[in-house]
Amino acid sequence: NPPELNQRHIICSAISEDGLRFKSEDGARLADNGITDPEVIKTGDQYLMFLSRGEETLLARSTDGLRFDRDRDFVLRAGGVPGAVVLADGRVRVYQTSREGIISVLFDPKSGMFKAEEGVRIQGPCGDPAVCPSENGGYVMVLKRFMK
């Protein structure tokens, strides 16, 4: 493992009433070795936090959004720096930054099953996908392009 994956990282949170000024909340949401880039969504009665650990995507779950526990059955090894969006049927599309570009996996939070989707959502070199439903239908993705 690269040395940074063996270092303990702490995921914290902050709250705001206006989206401009944030106040750090007390305590850690999750602590584990090498975790970075949290992406939190709410689906049903639980919060899902997708995390990067090197070129892996991990999952932690919470019922209150404050204390998260790792789901040890969920590890995606094709890429990290995740994004996620809840679909109309309750499944979650998890986006990952891979060497080819942005790829995706369909995840059912109730059953714990996940399935890689074929192809690349957008060709690299790019990363850090953030996806949300559009008011007009469809979805909007914001991402980072790597420049030469």
Protein backbone atom coordinates (compact mmCIF):
# COMPACT_ATOMS: atom_id res chain seq x y z
CA ASN A 1 0.00 0.00 0.00
CA PRO A 2 1.15 3.56 -0.64
CA PRO A 3 1.99 5.26 2.71
CA GLU A 4 -1.02 7.63 2.58
CA LEU A 5 -3.41 4.65 2.56
CA ASN A 6 -2.04 3.60 5.97
CA GLN A 7 -2.61 7.04 7.54
CA ARG A 8 -5.75 7.56 9.62
CA HIS A 9 -8.06 10.13 8.03
CA ILE A 10 -11.08 11.72 9.68
CA ILE A 11 -14.24 12.78 7.84
CA CYS A 12 -15.91 15.79 9.52
CA SER A 13 -19.00 17.87 8.73
CA ALA A 14 -20.15 21.48 8.85
CA ILE A 15 -23.63 23.03 8.79
CA SER A 16 -25.05 26.25 7.37
CA GLU A 17 -28.39 28.04 7.26
CA ASP A 18 -27.61 30.10 4.16
CA GLY A 19 -25.09 28.00 2.21
CA LEU A 20 -22.47 30.76 2.64
CA ARG A 21 -21.30 30.56 6.23
CA PHE A 22 -20.57 27.13 7.68
CA LYS A 23 -19.88 26.03 11.24
CA SER A 24 -17.93 22.86 11.94
CA GLU A 25 -19.87 20.24 13.88
CA ASP A 26 -18.29 18.49 16.85
CA GLY A 27 -16.92 14.99 16.39
CA ALA A 28 -16.00 12.84 13.44
CA ARG A 29 -18.50 11.29 11.05
CA LEU A 30 -16.06 8.48 10.17
CA ALA A 31 -12.38 7.68 10.73
CA ASP A 32 -10.43 5.06 8.80
CA ASN A 33 -7.11 4.61 7.05
CA GLY A 34 -6.62 6.38 3.72
CA ILE A 35 -10.23 7.56 3.18
CA THR A 36 -10.86 10.79 1.25
CA ASP A 37 -13.42 12.52 -0.98
CA PRO A 38 -16.72 11.78 0.82
CA GLU A 39 -19.95 11.93 -1.20
CA VAL A 40 -23.10 11.75 0.96
CA ILE A 41 -26.63 11.14 -0.31
CA LYS A 42 -29.87 10.29 1.46
CA THR A 43 -32.10 7.52 0.22
CA GLY A 44 -35.11 6.32 2.18
CA ASP A 45 -34.28 6.40 5.88
CA GLN A 46 -30.50 6.19 5.54
CA TYR A 47 -27.52 8.26 4.55
CA LEU A 48 -24.90 6.70 2.31
CA MET A 49 -21.35 8.01 2.27
CA PHE A 50 -19.22 6.90 -0.67
CA LEU A 51 -15.50 7.34 -0.10
CA SER A 52 -12.28 7.05 -1.99
CA ARG A 53 -9.36 4.96 -0.74
CA GLY A 54 -6.75 5.11 -3.45
CA GLU A 55 -8.29 3.51 -6.53
CA GLU A 56 -11.18 1.99 -4.57
CA THR A 57 -14.63 3.28 -3.66
CA LEU A 58 -15.97 2.34 -0.21
CA LEU A 59 -19.34 2.81 1.48
CA ALA A 60 -20.41 3.85 4.99
CA ARG A 61 -24.02 3.98 6.19
CA SER A 62 -25.85 6.11 8.77
CA THR A 63 -29.40 6.53 10.05
CA ASP A 64 -28.81 10.01 11.51
CA GLY A 65 -26.17 11.52 9.19
CA LEU A 66 -23.79 11.95 12.14
CA ARG A 67 -22.35 8.52 12.88
CA PHE A 68 -21.36 6.40 9.89
CA ASP A 69 -20.28 2.76 9.91
CA ARG A 70 -18.33 1.14 7.08
CA ASP A 71 -20.25 -1.40 4.99
CA ARG A 72 -17.48 -4.01 4.69
CA ASP A 73 -19.32 -5.85 1.89
CA PHE A 74 -19.09 -2.86 -0.48
CA VAL A 75 -15.76 -2.27 -2.26
CA LEU A 76 -15.48 -1.09 -5.86
CA ARG A 77 -11.97 -1.57 -7.17
CA ALA A 78 -12.20 0.06 -10.61
CA GLY A 79 -11.68 3.66 -9.41
CA GLY A 80 -12.11 6.19 -6.64
CA VAL A 81 -13.17 9.81 -6.04
CA PRO A 82 -16.87 8.97 -6.24
CA GLY A 83 -20.07 10.81 -7.04
CA ALA A 84 -23.58 9.41 -6.54
CA VAL A 85 -27.19 10.10 -7.39
CA VAL A 86 -30.41 8.44 -6.17
CA LEU A 87 -32.55 7.15 -9.05
CA ALA A 88 -36.37 7.16 -9.16
CA ASP A 89 -36.54 3.44 -8.30
CA GLY A 90 -34.43 3.88 -5.14
CA ARG A 91 -31.23 2.45 -6.59
CA VAL A 92 -28.10 4.58 -6.57
CA ARG A 93 -25.82 5.23 -9.51
CA VAL A 94 -22.28 5.49 -8.15
CA TYR A 95 -19.77 7.26 -10.41
CA GLN A 96 -16.05 6.56 -10.12
CA THR A 97 -12.95 8.24 -11.45
CA SER A 98 -11.02 5.60 -13.39
CA ARG A 99 -8.02 5.63 -15.69
CA GLU A 100 -10.42 5.61 -18.70
CA GLY A 101 -12.66 8.44 -17.42
CA ILE A 102 -15.88 8.42 -15.39
CA ILE A 103 -17.47 4.98 -15.03
CA SER A 104 -20.56 3.92 -13.08
CA VAL A 105 -22.10 1.14 -11.01
CA LEU A 106 -25.76 0.58 -10.12
CA PHE A 107 -26.21 -0.10 -6.40
CA ASP A 108 -29.31 -1.30 -4.54
CA PRO A 109 -28.93 -0.07 -0.94
CA LYS A 110 -31.64 -2.45 0.31
CA SER A 111 -30.11 -5.68 -1.01
CA GLY A 112 -26.50 -4.49 -1.01
CA MET A 113 -26.07 -5.73 -4.59
CA PHE A 114 -24.11 -3.72 -7.12
CA LYS A 115 -23.43 -4.16 -10.83
CA ALA A 116 -20.94 -2.35 -13.03
CA GLU A 117 -22.50 -0.59 -16.02
CA GLU A 118 -20.80 -1.15 -19.36
CA GLY A 119 -18.87 1.64 -21.03
CA VAL A 120 -17.52 4.98 -19.91
CA ARG A 121 -19.87 7.83 -18.97
CA ILE A 122 -17.36 10.46 -20.11
CA GLN A 123 -13.85 9.89 -21.46
CA GLY A 124 -10.84 10.95 -19.40
CA PRO A 125 -8.62 12.42 -18.37
CA CYS A 126 -11.14 13.73 -15.85
CA GLY A 127 -12.38 13.14 -12.32
CA ASP A 128 -14.37 14.26 -9.27
CA PRO A 129 -17.88 13.76 -10.73
CA ALA A 130 -20.83 15.49 -9.04
CA VAL A 131 -24.25 14.56 -10.47
CA CYS A 132 -27.76 15.84 -9.75
CA PRO A 133 -31.14 15.56 -11.45
CA SER A 134 -32.02 18.45 -13.75
CA GLU A 135 -35.28 20.39 -13.30
CA ASN A 136 -36.12 19.67 -16.96
CA GLY A 137 -35.49 15.92 -16.64
CA GLY A 138 -32.21 14.16 -17.17
CA TYR A 139 -29.09 14.85 -15.14
CA VAL A 140 -26.28 17.38 -14.85
CA MET A 141 -22.69 16.29 -14.21
CA VAL A 142 -19.98 18.67 -13.10
CA LEU A 143 -16.43 17.29 -13.23
CA LYS A 144 -12.79 18.22 -13.25
CA ARG A 145 -10.77 18.01 -16.49
CA PHE A 146 -7.06 17.34 -16.20
CA MET A 147 -5.07 19.70 -18.43
CA LYS A 148 -1.71 18.88 -20.01
